[in-house]
Protein backbone atom coordinates (compact mmCIF):
# COMPACT_ATOMS: atom_id res chain seq x y z
CA UNK A 1 -128.12 -13.48 15.84
CA UNK A 2 -127.23 -10.59 13.10
CA UNK A 3 -127.40 -11.45 9.55
CA UNK A 4 -125.58 -8.50 7.86
CA UNK A 5 -123.70 -11.38 6.30
CA UNK A 6 -126.55 -12.94 4.59
CA UNK A 7 -126.41 -9.58 2.23
CA UNK A 8 -123.25 -11.11 0.78
CA UNK A 9 -125.58 -13.82 -0.93
CA UNK A 10 -127.77 -11.48 -2.41
CA UNK A 11 -125.27 -8.73 -4.06
CA UNK A 12 -123.19 -11.88 -5.47
CA UNK A 13 -124.31 -12.96 -9.05
CA UNK A 14 -125.47 -16.62 -8.72
CA UNK A 15 -124.29 -19.17 -11.31
CA UNK A 16 -126.93 -21.73 -12.65
CA UNK A 17 -125.50 -25.00 -11.70
CA UNK A 18 -126.37 -27.62 -14.35
CA UNK A 19 -129.01 -25.05 -15.29
CA UNK A 20 -131.25 -26.50 -12.61
CA UNK A 21 -134.23 -23.74 -11.87
CA UNK A 22 -135.01 -25.31 -8.99
CA UNK A 23 -133.07 -23.31 -6.27
CA UNK A 24 -133.84 -20.12 -8.47
CA UNK A 25 -137.61 -20.50 -8.59
CA UNK A 26 -137.68 -21.83 -4.96
CA UNK A 27 -135.87 -18.66 -3.74
CA UNK A 28 -138.49 -16.52 -5.58
CA UNK A 29 -141.40 -18.41 -4.39
CA UNK A 30 -140.05 -17.87 -0.58
CA UNK A 31 -139.59 -14.48 -1.27
CA UNK A 32 -143.07 -14.04 -2.45
CA UNK A 33 -144.34 -15.17 0.68
CA UNK A 34 -142.22 -12.68 2.55
CA UNK A 35 -144.09 -10.15 0.47
CA UNK A 36 -147.40 -11.44 1.17
CA UNK A 37 -146.76 -11.74 4.97
CA UNK A 38 -144.78 -8.75 5.70
CA UNK A 39 -145.82 -5.90 3.18
CA UNK A 40 -148.95 -4.25 2.03
CA UNK A 41 -147.80 -2.78 -1.14
CA UNK A 42 -145.34 -5.36 -2.08
CA UNK A 43 -142.28 -3.04 -1.19
CA UNK A 44 -139.57 -4.93 0.37
CA UNK A 45 -136.62 -2.62 -0.78
CA UNK A 46 -133.74 -3.13 1.44
CA UNK A 47 -131.29 -1.47 -0.70
CA UNK A 48 -132.06 1.93 0.01
CA UNK A 49 -129.95 2.21 2.96
CA UNK A 50 -133.10 2.40 5.14
CA UNK A 51 -133.67 0.36 8.43
CA UNK A 52 -133.90 -3.36 8.23
CA UNK A 53 -137.59 -4.39 8.10
CA UNK A 54 -139.21 -7.94 8.62
CA UNK A 55 -139.61 -8.23 4.95
CA UNK A 56 -136.17 -7.61 4.16
CA UNK A 57 -134.85 -9.97 6.51
CA UNK A 58 -137.03 -12.53 5.34
CA UNK A 59 -136.12 -12.03 1.85
CA UNK A 60 -132.29 -12.42 2.80
CA UNK A 61 -133.10 -15.66 4.78
CA UNK A 62 -134.85 -17.11 1.71
CA UNK A 63 -131.64 -17.19 -0.19
CA UNK A 64 -129.37 -18.41 2.69
CA UNK A 65 -131.88 -21.37 3.54
CA UNK A 66 -132.13 -22.48 0.02
CA UNK A 67 -128.33 -22.53 -0.44
CA UNK A 68 -126.73 -22.57 2.93
CA UNK A 69 -129.34 -24.78 4.71
CA UNK A 70 -126.70 -26.61 6.80
CA UNK A 71 -125.16 -23.53 8.02
CA UNK A 72 -128.13 -21.65 8.59
CA UNK A 73 -130.82 -24.54 9.97
CA UNK A 74 -130.13 -23.29 13.49
CA UNK A 75 -131.77 -20.04 12.92
CA UNK A 76 -135.21 -22.09 12.60
CA UNK A 77 -134.68 -23.53 16.26
CA UNK A 78 -135.06 -22.16 19.65
CA UNK A 79 -135.85 -18.70 21.13
CA UNK A 80 -134.87 -16.84 18.05
CA UNK A 81 -137.16 -18.65 15.87
CA UNK A 82 -140.18 -18.03 18.04
CA UNK A 83 -139.35 -14.36 18.43
CA UNK A 84 -138.73 -13.67 14.67
CA UNK A 85 -141.61 -13.30 12.12
CA UNK A 86 -139.32 -12.84 9.48
CA UNK A 87 -137.47 -16.15 10.14
CA UNK A 88 -140.60 -18.24 10.92
CA UNK A 89 -141.93 -17.33 7.43
CA UNK A 90 -138.67 -18.21 5.62
CA UNK A 91 -138.23 -21.28 7.85
CA UNK A 92 -142.04 -22.76 7.19
CA UNK A 93 -141.28 -22.38 3.52
CA UNK A 94 -137.95 -24.03 3.63
CA UNK A 95 -139.45 -26.95 5.71
CA UNK A 96 -142.39 -27.62 3.64
CA UNK A 97 -141.41 -26.59 -0.20
CA UNK A 98 -141.08 -29.84 -2.51
CA UNK A 99 -137.38 -29.92 -3.76
CA UNK A 100 -137.39 -30.89 -7.30
CA UNK A 101 -135.02 -30.39 -10.52
CA UNK A 102 -136.87 -27.96 -12.73
CA UNK A 103 -135.39 -27.85 -16.06
CA UNK A 104 -135.86 -24.80 -18.67
CA UNK A 105 -138.03 -27.34 -20.52
CA UNK A 106 -140.37 -27.49 -18.12
CA UNK A 107 -141.46 -24.01 -18.29
CA UNK A 108 -144.64 -22.81 -19.95
CA UNK A 109 -144.10 -20.98 -23.48
CA UNK A 110 -142.56 -17.72 -22.87
CA UNK A 111 -144.56 -14.29 -22.87
CA UNK A 112 -143.43 -11.07 -24.88
CA UNK A 113 -143.17 -7.57 -23.28
CA UNK A 114 -144.43 -5.47 -21.51
CA UNK A 115 -143.72 -7.38 -18.25
CA UNK A 116 -146.92 -7.72 -15.82
CA UNK A 117 -146.21 -8.38 -12.17
CA UNK A 118 -148.93 -8.37 -9.08
CA UNK A 119 -147.41 -6.75 -6.12
CA UNK A 120 -146.67 -9.95 -4.67
CA UNK A 121 -145.04 -11.60 -7.24
CA UNK A 122 -141.00 -11.90 -7.43
CA UNK A 123 -139.54 -11.53 -10.90
CA UNK A 124 -135.96 -13.03 -11.48
CA UNK A 125 -133.47 -11.58 -14.03
CA UNK A 126 -131.47 -13.91 -15.66
CA UNK A 127 -128.37 -12.53 -17.81
CA UNK A 128 -126.59 -14.36 -20.43
CA UNK A 129 -122.83 -13.83 -20.16
CA UNK A 130 -120.13 -15.87 -22.09
CA UNK A 131 -122.69 -18.15 -23.49
CA UNK A 132 -124.28 -19.14 -19.77
CA UNK A 133 -127.11 -17.99 -18.05
CA UNK A 134 -126.88 -16.52 -14.64
CA UNK A 135 -128.74 -14.78 -12.19
CA UNK A 136 -128.71 -11.07 -12.08
CA UNK A 137 -131.23 -10.10 -9.59
CA UNK A 138 -134.39 -10.65 -7.69
CA UNK A 139 -137.07 -8.09 -8.14
CA UNK A 140 -140.33 -7.59 -5.68
CA UNK A 141 -143.52 -6.65 -7.62
CA UNK A 142 -143.42 -3.02 -7.16
CA UNK A 143 -139.98 -3.00 -9.28
CA UNK A 144 -140.56 -4.22 -12.64
CA UNK A 145 -137.53 -5.12 -14.66
CA UNK A 146 -136.91 -4.24 -18.44
CA UNK A 147 -136.61 -6.93 -20.63
CA UNK A 148 -133.35 -6.40 -22.60
CA UNK A 149 -131.95 -8.35 -25.45
CA UNK A 150 -129.48 -10.30 -23.02
CA UNK A 151 -132.05 -10.86 -20.49
CA UNK A 152 -134.72 -13.83 -19.62
CA UNK A 153 -136.99 -12.86 -16.62
CA UNK A 154 -138.77 -15.91 -14.74
CA UNK A 155 -141.71 -14.81 -12.54
CA UNK A 156 -142.97 -16.41 -9.58
CA UNK A 157 -146.94 -16.05 -9.38
CA UNK A 158 -149.26 -17.09 -7.00
CA UNK A 159 -150.53 -20.04 -9.21
CA UNK A 160 -146.90 -21.10 -10.54
CA UNK A 161 -144.16 -19.60 -12.91
CA UNK A 162 -143.98 -17.88 -16.02
CA UNK A 163 -141.29 -16.48 -18.09
CA UNK A 164 -140.66 -13.61 -20.68
CA UNK A 165 -138.29 -14.07 -23.48
CA UNK A 166 -136.84 -11.28 -25.86
CA UNK A 167 -135.84 -13.68 -28.26
CA UNK A 168 -139.08 -14.03 -30.57
CA UNK A 169 -138.36 -17.26 -32.80
CA UNK A 170 -140.92 -19.77 -33.97
CA UNK A 171 -140.77 -23.25 -35.51
CA UNK A 172 -142.24 -24.28 -38.70
CA UNK A 173 -144.90 -26.69 -39.52
CA UNK A 174 -143.29 -28.41 -42.58
CA UNK A 175 -146.37 -30.98 -43.30
CA UNK A 176 -149.43 -32.37 -41.60
CA UNK A 177 -150.60 -35.61 -43.00
CA UNK A 178 -154.18 -37.07 -41.97
CA UNK A 179 -154.78 -40.45 -40.47
CA UNK A 180 -156.13 -42.05 -37.18
CA UNK A 181 -153.37 -39.64 -35.62
CA UNK A 182 -152.19 -36.52 -37.66
CA UNK A 183 -148.80 -36.70 -38.32
CA UNK A 184 -147.15 -33.21 -38.10
CA UNK A 185 -143.47 -32.61 -39.08
CA UNK A 186 -141.84 -29.43 -37.42
CA UNK A 187 -138.56 -27.86 -38.10
CA UNK A 188 -136.54 -25.09 -36.60
CA UNK A 189 -133.59 -24.61 -39.02
CA UNK A 190 -133.48 -20.83 -39.13
CA UNK A 191 -133.31 -19.67 -35.67
CA UNK A 192 -130.40 -17.49 -36.21
CA UNK A 193 -132.11 -15.76 -39.03
CA UNK A 194 -135.06 -15.08 -37.18
CA UNK A 195 -133.02 -13.47 -34.54
CA UNK A 196 -130.79 -11.76 -36.89
CA UNK A 197 -133.89 -10.17 -38.45
CA UNK A 198 -135.27 -9.23 -35.08
CA UNK A 199 -132.31 -7.67 -34.08
CA UNK A 200 -131.87 -5.58 -37.50
CA UNK A 201 -135.58 -4.43 -36.97
CA UNK A 202 -135.09 -3.22 -33.25
CA UNK A 203 -131.45 -1.91 -33.97
CA UNK A 204 -129.89 -4.44 -31.68
CA UNK A 205 -126.03 -4.71 -31.55
CA UNK A 206 -124.82 -8.00 -32.80
CA UNK A 207 -122.93 -8.18 -29.42
CA UNK A 208 -126.12 -9.73 -28.17
CA UNK A 209 -125.51 -12.97 -30.63
CA UNK A 210 -124.39 -15.51 -28.32
CA UNK A 211 -127.15 -18.16 -28.88
CA UNK A 212 -125.10 -21.48 -30.14
CA UNK A 213 -126.12 -25.00 -30.79
CA UNK A 214 -123.44 -26.52 -28.52
CA UNK A 215 -123.14 -26.32 -24.81
CA UNK A 216 -119.89 -25.44 -23.01
CA UNK A 217 -118.72 -29.18 -22.96
CA UNK A 218 -119.03 -28.96 -26.88
CA UNK A 219 -122.31 -31.40 -26.83
CA UNK A 220 -125.08 -30.55 -29.36
CA UNK A 221 -128.02 -29.34 -27.70
CA UNK A 222 -131.00 -31.19 -27.28
CA UNK A 223 -134.56 -29.52 -27.89
CA UNK A 224 -137.62 -30.67 -26.43
CA UNK A 225 -140.97 -30.49 -28.65
CA UNK A 226 -143.96 -29.61 -26.59
CA UNK A 227 -147.53 -29.54 -27.39
CA UNK A 228 -150.72 -29.10 -25.89
CA UNK A 229 -154.57 -28.01 -26.63
CA UNK A 230 -155.02 -24.38 -27.28
CA UNK A 231 -158.17 -24.97 -24.69
CA UNK A 232 -155.73 -26.58 -22.38
CA UNK A 233 -155.36 -30.35 -21.33
CA UNK A 234 -152.63 -32.95 -21.46
CA UNK A 235 -149.37 -31.62 -22.59
CA UNK A 236 -147.03 -33.89 -24.97
CA UNK A 237 -143.32 -33.76 -25.13
CA UNK A 238 -140.70 -35.47 -27.34
CA UNK A 239 -136.99 -35.15 -27.27
CA UNK A 240 -135.24 -34.34 -30.53
CA UNK A 241 -131.54 -34.09 -31.17
CA UNK A 242 -131.91 -32.43 -34.51
CA UNK A 243 -133.50 -29.41 -35.74
CA UNK A 244 -136.68 -31.21 -36.86
CA UNK A 245 -138.92 -33.86 -35.49
CA UNK A 246 -142.40 -35.60 -36.41
CA UNK A 247 -145.21 -35.43 -33.73
CA UNK A 248 -148.65 -37.35 -33.59
CA UNK A 249 -151.60 -35.31 -32.79
CA UNK A 250 -155.39 -36.29 -32.04
CA UNK A 251 -157.79 -35.25 -34.93
CA UNK A 252 -160.34 -32.39 -34.12
CA UNK A 253 -157.98 -30.45 -31.79
CA UNK A 254 -156.19 -26.99 -32.08
CA UNK A 255 -152.58 -27.32 -30.84
CA UNK A 256 -149.93 -24.97 -29.77
CA UNK A 257 -146.55 -26.28 -30.53
CA UNK A 258 -143.37 -24.96 -29.41
CA UNK A 259 -139.62 -26.23 -28.91
CA UNK A 260 -138.37 -25.91 -25.58
CA UNK A 261 -134.77 -26.16 -24.86
CA UNK A 262 -132.81 -26.85 -21.58
CA UNK A 263 -130.47 -23.98 -22.79
CA UNK A 264 -132.56 -20.96 -22.30
CA UNK A 265 -136.29 -19.85 -22.81
CA UNK A 266 -136.85 -21.87 -26.20
CA UNK A 267 -139.35 -20.75 -28.89
CA UNK A 268 -142.66 -18.86 -28.84
CA UNK A 269 -145.44 -21.37 -30.11
CA UNK A 270 -147.16 -21.82 -33.49
CA UNK A 271 -150.73 -23.07 -33.96
CA UNK A 272 -151.30 -26.70 -35.49
CA UNK A 273 -155.05 -27.13 -36.09
CA UNK A 274 -156.22 -30.99 -36.97
CA UNK A 275 -159.89 -29.73 -37.32
CA UNK A 276 -161.61 -30.68 -40.57
CA UNK A 277 -162.77 -27.11 -41.09
CA UNK A 278 -159.27 -25.45 -40.53
CA UNK A 279 -157.30 -23.94 -43.41
CA UNK A 280 -154.28 -26.24 -42.29
CA UNK A 281 -156.72 -29.27 -42.93
CA UNK A 282 -157.93 -27.79 -46.30
CA UNK A 283 -154.59 -27.35 -47.66
CA UNK A 284 -153.77 -30.85 -46.53
CA UNK A 285 -156.32 -32.36 -48.60
CA UNK A 286 -155.52 -30.22 -51.48
CA UNK A 287 -151.97 -31.81 -51.31
CA UNK A 288 -153.40 -35.19 -51.59
CA UNK A 289 -154.65 -34.59 -54.84
CA UNK A 290 -152.59 -36.11 -57.92
CA UNK A 291 -150.55 -33.52 -59.78
CA UNK A 292 -151.79 -32.51 -62.85
CA UNK A 293 -149.50 -31.34 -65.88
CA UNK A 294 -150.69 -29.30 -69.08
CA UNK A 295 -150.36 -32.44 -71.23
CA UNK A 296 -152.75 -34.54 -68.81
CA UNK A 297 -155.59 -31.33 -69.06
CA UNK A 298 -155.11 -31.30 -72.75
CA UNK A 299 -155.44 -35.25 -73.47
CA UNK A 300 -158.49 -34.99 -71.13
CA UNK A 301 -160.19 -32.27 -73.27
CA UNK A 302 -159.34 -33.69 -76.64
CA UNK A 303 -161.04 -37.04 -75.17
CA UNK A 304 -164.00 -35.09 -74.14
CA UNK A 305 -164.60 -33.33 -77.31
CA UNK A 306 -164.25 -36.74 -79.48
CA UNK A 307 -166.80 -38.50 -77.08
CA UNK A 308 -169.36 -35.06 -77.90
CA UNK A 309 -168.73 -35.65 -81.58
CA UNK A 310 -169.39 -39.31 -81.56
CA UNK A 311 -172.42 -39.07 -79.26
CA UNK A 312 -173.67 -36.16 -81.75
CA UNK A 313 -173.14 -38.44 -84.78
CA UNK A 314 -174.99 -41.45 -83.06
CA UNK A 315 -178.05 -39.11 -82.60
CA UNK A 316 -177.98 -38.06 -86.44
CA UNK A 317 -177.77 -41.51 -87.61
CA UNK A 318 -180.59 -42.84 -85.50
CA UNK A 319 -182.76 -40.02 -86.43
CA UNK A 320 -182.36 -40.50 -90.02
CA UNK A 321 -183.17 -44.07 -89.67
CA UNK A 322 -186.48 -43.51 -87.98
CA UNK A 323 -187.46 -41.07 -90.81
CA UNK A 324 -186.65 -43.74 -93.35
CA UNK A 325 -189.15 -46.24 -91.52
CA UNK A 326 -191.95 -43.83 -91.28
CA UNK A 327 -191.71 -43.33 -95.24
CA UNK A 328 -192.40 -47.12 -96.05
């Protein structure tokens, strides 16, 4: 059966439905399998007008099976499947993959440019148009896309998923209070100022400033405060409907804390250190000392001086008395 009509799926820009990254990531993971099974150098470029290759056929089947399974499932049956290596790779992935929702807030912390791709990785370029992220294209490992102010790049790698964001903003640690659990207050009220400063430094047009705090339905955007030990371990998450939140952290640990969002890549992480020797812990201990005003310091100095004078007079009187006793 001819597959030329599948080309249409790849040429069309796909819209993100309910902003579930699951279908996008699964398509990228399937195409990564195509590169591993049917190329040596990760080159699966079928746009150049060359003859269809096994890899390019597999590449197209991945998207068709993910988005049009009921109409294309017959490809995975009968004689055609047995004599089609490209079909077999895409069909096996489709039948064995785990189908689940993947929200942007489930991604790890974003990375900065430059983008590093292995030859079998697949990068998905997301572009924000009219305040909505859309898939702009899938790129094999030998074609590294550029990270631009209006793009967000998600990469399917052998051991999971990573992503790259041009928007470099971070939350702020407002306070860190000691206790059985450290109480950290995190805020992110100056996101627009941070992005504006970045655009100014890199001389980017304000036309890219389309990040808003409300989604298309007018609802206020919700955030997820995410934290994990710097050395790895269990992650914690807390939903926040405002631009600040308080989280509880175990003592003796250095954490990476970031703000994730279901509206995009989210923030880069900051360090929150609950170890006793940390600078943050020293600042916290200093903040627990009572406030001293100039009058308090003056009064304490006068009291100390009076005490010294009284003690001195007492010693002089005692010495004079001892001398009189000796004369008798």
